[in-house]
C-alpha cells in the first residue's frame, strides 16, 4: 500500500518572459517527482498530445520537453504547493497549500490559464482564483486514469491552447 504523507512540490515552475499560456496540473505524480519534471509517467498523454497539437516530434528528454513548451509560449506548473497524498492519487489529496502563481504571472505574459483535469480546476477555483481573479478553463485530464478520453477527443478539446 502506498504511503500517505505531506509532500512539498519539488519541481520549479517552467516559464519564461514570453510565456502566454499557463497549464496547471494538480500535483506531480510519483513518477513525475522521481523524474523531477512535469508529466513524467510514461502513460501520461500530455507530451504526446502537446507534440500532436503543434505538429512536433514527441519529446523524450526533459530538455526536449522544456524546449517544446517554451517554444510554444507555454508555462507549466501545478495548483498545489504541498499536500497530504497517497501515491499519485488525486482523489487522496488533503490539507492543500496552494502554489503562489505570482512568480509566473508577474514575470511573463500569461493571459490564459488552463487546468489539466477536474481536480486541478476545482483547486484553482477554491484557492487561486480568489487571489488573482484570472478565469481558468478546465481541460480533460491527460492522465492515464482518464482512459475514457481518446487521444483524438483530447486533441479536439486541447486545441484551444493553440489559439493563444
Protein backbone atom coordinates (compact mmCIF):
# COMPACT_ATOMS: atom_id res chain seq x y z
CA UNK A 1 0.00 0.00 0.00
CA UNK A 2 1.27 3.46 -0.88
CA UNK A 3 2.38 5.66 1.97
CA UNK A 4 0.38 8.77 2.87
CA UNK A 5 2.43 11.78 3.86
CA UNK A 6 2.76 15.55 3.42
CA UNK A 7 4.81 16.28 0.33
CA UNK A 8 6.14 19.63 -0.88
CA UNK A 9 6.10 20.18 -4.64
CA UNK A 10 9.68 19.51 -5.77
CA UNK A 11 9.56 20.86 -9.34
CA UNK A 12 10.08 24.55 -10.11
CA UNK A 13 7.67 26.26 -12.49
CA UNK A 14 8.57 26.20 -16.18
CA UNK A 15 8.12 29.59 -17.86
CA UNK A 16 9.95 32.47 -19.44
CA UNK A 17 9.16 36.10 -20.22
CA UNK A 18 7.38 35.08 -23.45
CA UNK A 19 5.00 32.55 -21.86
CA UNK A 20 1.38 33.39 -22.69
CA UNK A 21 -0.46 30.23 -21.65
CA UNK A 22 -0.19 28.60 -18.23
CA UNK A 23 -1.16 24.94 -17.91
CA UNK A 24 -1.72 23.80 -14.35
CA UNK A 25 -1.84 20.24 -13.16
CA UNK A 26 -2.88 19.35 -9.64
CA UNK A 27 0.26 17.84 -8.07
CA UNK A 28 3.12 15.81 -9.58
CA UNK A 29 2.70 12.05 -9.66
CA UNK A 30 5.24 9.76 -8.02
CA UNK A 31 6.83 9.23 -11.47
CA UNK A 32 6.98 12.99 -12.11
CA UNK A 33 8.53 13.58 -8.70
CA UNK A 34 11.13 10.91 -9.46
CA UNK A 35 11.85 12.47 -12.88
CA UNK A 36 11.78 15.97 -11.35
CA UNK A 37 9.66 17.18 -14.26
CA UNK A 38 6.05 17.53 -15.26
CA UNK A 39 4.01 14.63 -16.66
CA UNK A 40 6.76 12.09 -16.08
CA UNK A 41 4.55 8.99 -16.05
CA UNK A 42 5.18 7.13 -19.33
CA UNK A 43 1.44 6.55 -19.79
CA UNK A 44 0.51 10.22 -19.31
CA UNK A 45 -0.57 11.62 -22.66
CA UNK A 46 0.46 15.24 -22.03
CA UNK A 47 3.70 15.24 -24.05
CA UNK A 48 2.38 13.18 -26.98
CA UNK A 49 -0.69 15.45 -27.03
CA UNK A 50 1.35 18.67 -26.98
CA UNK A 51 3.55 17.32 -29.78
CA UNK A 52 0.48 16.39 -31.79
CA UNK A 53 -1.14 19.81 -31.28
CA UNK A 54 1.94 21.60 -32.62
CA UNK A 55 2.99 19.02 -35.26
CA UNK A 56 6.26 18.26 -33.48
CA UNK A 57 8.14 15.10 -32.57
CA UNK A 58 7.20 13.68 -29.18
CA UNK A 59 9.88 14.93 -26.77
CA UNK A 60 11.74 12.26 -24.82
CA UNK A 61 14.17 14.13 -22.55
CA UNK A 62 13.43 16.83 -20.01
CA UNK A 63 15.37 19.30 -22.18
CA UNK A 64 13.27 18.41 -25.24
CA UNK A 65 10.08 18.79 -23.18
CA UNK A 66 11.19 22.19 -21.87
CA UNK A 67 12.01 23.32 -25.40
CA UNK A 68 8.64 22.21 -26.78
CA UNK A 69 6.66 24.02 -24.08
CA UNK A 70 8.70 27.22 -24.06
CA UNK A 71 8.97 27.43 -27.85
CA UNK A 72 5.15 27.47 -27.93
CA UNK A 73 4.96 30.09 -25.14
CA UNK A 74 3.53 27.59 -22.67
CA UNK A 75 4.26 27.74 -18.96
CA UNK A 76 3.76 24.70 -16.71
CA UNK A 77 3.12 24.34 -13.01
CA UNK A 78 0.62 22.88 -10.59
CA UNK A 79 -2.07 24.28 -8.34
CA UNK A 80 -0.67 22.65 -5.19
CA UNK A 81 2.49 23.66 -3.31
CA UNK A 82 2.13 20.93 -0.68
CA UNK A 83 -0.47 18.42 0.41
CA UNK A 84 -1.07 15.08 2.03
CA UNK A 85 -1.33 12.50 -0.73
CA UNK A 86 -1.29 8.73 -1.10
CA UNK A 87 0.95 7.74 -4.00
CA UNK A 88 -0.22 9.65 -7.08
CA UNK A 89 -3.95 9.59 -6.36
CA UNK A 90 -5.61 12.97 -6.86
CA UNK A 91 -8.65 11.64 -5.00
CA UNK A 92 -6.50 11.18 -1.86
CA UNK A 93 -5.28 14.82 -1.78
CA UNK A 94 -5.90 16.55 1.56
CA UNK A 95 -4.63 19.56 3.52
CA UNK A 96 -3.77 21.59 0.43
CA UNK A 97 -1.42 24.56 0.45
CA UNK A 98 -1.71 26.25 -2.97
CA UNK A 99 1.18 27.42 -5.13
CA UNK A 100 1.78 31.16 -5.43
CA UNK A 101 1.33 31.87 -9.13
CA UNK A 102 2.60 35.44 -8.86
CA UNK A 103 6.15 34.30 -9.70
CA UNK A 104 4.85 33.34 -13.16
CA UNK A 105 2.15 35.97 -13.58
CA UNK A 106 4.48 38.85 -12.67
CA UNK A 107 7.36 37.67 -14.88
CA UNK A 108 5.66 36.52 -18.08
CA UNK A 109 2.90 37.49 -20.47
CA UNK A 110 0.48 34.81 -19.26
CA UNK A 111 -3.08 35.84 -20.00
CA UNK A 112 -4.76 32.43 -20.20
CA UNK A 113 -4.81 29.65 -17.64
CA UNK A 114 -5.87 26.09 -18.40
CA UNK A 115 -6.27 23.34 -15.84
CA UNK A 116 -5.30 19.80 -16.78
CA UNK A 117 -8.26 17.94 -15.30
CA UNK A 118 -11.10 18.46 -12.85
CA UNK A 119 -9.05 18.29 -9.64
CA UNK A 120 -6.65 21.00 -10.80
CA UNK A 121 -9.62 23.16 -11.86
CA UNK A 122 -11.51 22.66 -8.59
CA UNK A 123 -8.41 23.55 -6.54
CA UNK A 124 -7.68 26.55 -8.75
CA UNK A 125 -11.22 27.84 -8.24
CA UNK A 126 -11.04 27.30 -4.49
CA UNK A 127 -7.57 28.65 -3.72
CA UNK A 128 -6.09 30.62 -6.61
CA UNK A 129 -8.93 32.41 -8.41
CA UNK A 130 -9.84 34.38 -5.26
CA UNK A 131 -6.23 35.71 -5.21
CA UNK A 132 -5.62 36.57 -8.85
CA UNK A 133 -9.13 36.88 -10.37
CA UNK A 134 -7.95 35.28 -13.64
CA UNK A 135 -10.51 32.90 -15.13
CA UNK A 136 -9.20 29.40 -15.72
CA UNK A 137 -10.54 26.88 -18.20
CA UNK A 138 -10.93 23.20 -17.42
CA UNK A 139 -9.50 20.74 -19.94
CA UNK A 140 -9.86 16.95 -19.76
CA UNK A 141 -7.03 15.28 -17.89
CA UNK A 142 -4.19 13.72 -19.86
CA UNK A 143 -3.67 11.23 -17.01
CA UNK A 144 -3.76 7.51 -17.80
CA UNK A 145 -6.57 7.35 -15.21
CA UNK A 146 -8.74 9.28 -17.70
CA UNK A 147 -8.84 6.38 -20.17
CA UNK A 148 -12.38 7.29 -21.30
CA UNK A 149 -10.87 10.11 -23.37
CA UNK A 150 -9.21 9.01 -26.60
CA UNK A 151 -6.23 10.94 -27.95
CA UNK A 152 -8.50 12.32 -30.70
CA UNK A 153 -11.01 13.67 -28.18
CA UNK A 154 -8.21 15.14 -26.06
CA UNK A 155 -6.71 16.82 -29.12
CA UNK A 156 -10.06 18.33 -30.04
CA UNK A 157 -10.59 19.82 -26.56
CA UNK A 158 -6.97 20.88 -26.01
CA UNK A 159 -6.71 22.59 -29.41
CA UNK A 160 -7.85 25.82 -27.73
CA UNK A 161 -4.31 26.34 -26.40
CA UNK A 162 -3.02 26.72 -29.99
CA UNK A 163 -5.09 29.85 -30.49
CA UNK A 164 -3.43 31.74 -27.63
